[in-house]
Protein backbone atom coordinates (compact mmCIF):
# COMPACT_ATOMS: atom_id res chain seq x y z
CA MET A 1 12.68 13.01 19.94
CA ASN A 2 10.47 16.03 20.36
CA THR A 3 6.70 16.03 20.25
CA VAL A 4 6.33 17.19 16.64
CA SER A 5 8.67 14.56 15.21
CA GLY A 6 6.95 11.92 17.34
CA ILE A 7 3.56 12.90 15.96
CA ILE A 8 4.91 12.86 12.41
CA ALA A 9 6.40 9.39 12.98
CA ILE A 10 3.06 8.11 14.28
CA VAL A 11 1.16 9.60 11.32
CA VAL A 12 3.59 8.02 8.85
CA LEU A 13 3.30 4.67 10.64
CA VAL A 14 -0.50 4.82 10.48
CA LEU A 15 -0.41 5.69 6.76
CA VAL A 16 1.92 2.77 6.03
CA VAL A 17 -0.14 0.30 8.06
CA VAL A 18 -3.40 1.42 6.42
CA ALA A 19 -1.82 1.08 2.95
CA LEU A 20 -0.45 -2.34 3.91
CA ILE A 21 -3.84 -3.58 5.10
CA ASP A 22 -5.50 -2.23 1.95
CA ALA A 23 -2.90 -3.85 -0.34
CA ALA A 24 -3.14 -7.19 1.44
CA SER A 25 -6.94 -7.18 1.28
CA ARG A 26 -7.09 -6.87 -2.52
CA PRO A 27 -7.40 -10.19 -4.39
CA ALA A 28 -4.41 -11.46 -6.35
CA TRP A 29 -6.40 -11.56 -9.59
CA ALA A 30 -7.10 -7.81 -9.36
CA TRP A 31 -3.38 -7.13 -8.96
CA GLU A 32 -2.64 -9.30 -12.00
CA ARG A 33 -5.27 -7.55 -14.10
CA ALA A 34 -3.83 -4.17 -13.07
CA GLY A 35 -0.38 -5.33 -14.14
CA GLN A 36 1.03 -4.85 -10.64
CA ASN A 37 2.94 -7.11 -8.26
CA LYS A 38 1.12 -7.62 -4.95
CA THR A 39 4.12 -9.21 -3.22
CA LEU A 40 6.42 -6.33 -4.18
CA TRP A 41 4.10 -3.69 -2.77
CA ILE A 42 3.45 -5.60 0.43
CA VAL A 43 7.22 -6.02 0.96
CA LEU A 44 7.84 -2.32 0.25
CA LEU A 45 5.19 -1.32 2.76
CA VAL A 46 6.49 -3.76 5.40
CA VAL A 47 10.02 -2.41 4.95
CA GLY A 48 8.52 1.05 5.40
CA ILE A 49 7.33 0.28 8.92
CA PRO A 50 10.77 0.63 10.55
CA CYS A 51 12.05 3.07 7.88
CA PRO A 52 9.67 6.07 7.89
CA LEU A 53 11.05 7.72 4.74
CA ILE A 54 10.69 4.53 2.67
CA GLY A 55 7.29 3.94 4.23
CA LEU A 56 6.03 7.42 3.45
CA VAL A 57 7.17 7.25 -0.17
CA ALA A 58 5.77 3.73 -0.65
CA ALA A 59 2.41 4.63 0.96
CA VAL A 60 2.02 7.80 -1.12
CA VAL A 61 2.91 6.04 -4.39
CA TYR A 62 0.62 3.13 -3.52
CA ALA A 63 -2.30 5.41 -2.64
CA SER A 64 -1.92 7.75 -5.59
CA SER A 65 -0.90 5.42 -8.40
CA ILE A 66 -1.13 1.70 -7.65
CA ARG A 67 -4.31 1.45 -5.55
CA PRO A 68 -6.55 3.18 -8.14
CA ARG A 69 -5.42 0.70 -10.81
CA VAL A 70 -6.02 -2.31 -8.58
CA VAL A 71 -9.41 -0.99 -7.43
CA ALA A 72 -10.46 -0.41 -11.06
CA ALA A 73 -9.37 -3.93 -11.97
CA GLN A 74 -11.21 -5.32 -8.97
CA GLY A 75 -14.37 -3.50 -10.07
CA SER A 76 -14.54 -5.62 -13.20
CA ALA A 77 -15.90 -9.14 -13.10
CA PRO A 78 -13.74 -11.68 -11.25
CA PRO A 79 -12.13 -14.39 -13.31
CA PRO A 80 -14.16 -17.56 -13.87
CA TYR A 81 -13.17 -20.46 -11.68
């Protein structure tokens, strides 16, 4: 593996791990309100750790489409307990 591909692999790994940490840190109720499946996205991101192409696609889709919905849902009032 040459230097450029090694750097790209590290960048993709960092993106996937950051997306994974962000997804895991969001409360389940926010995911439900956004109409998304928290477990599915965490599994996709975990699978993306050893598979850079899957990881890159999952991290980009999460960051551009899923995360904004979950963050917006989280910004509303939490459910009553």
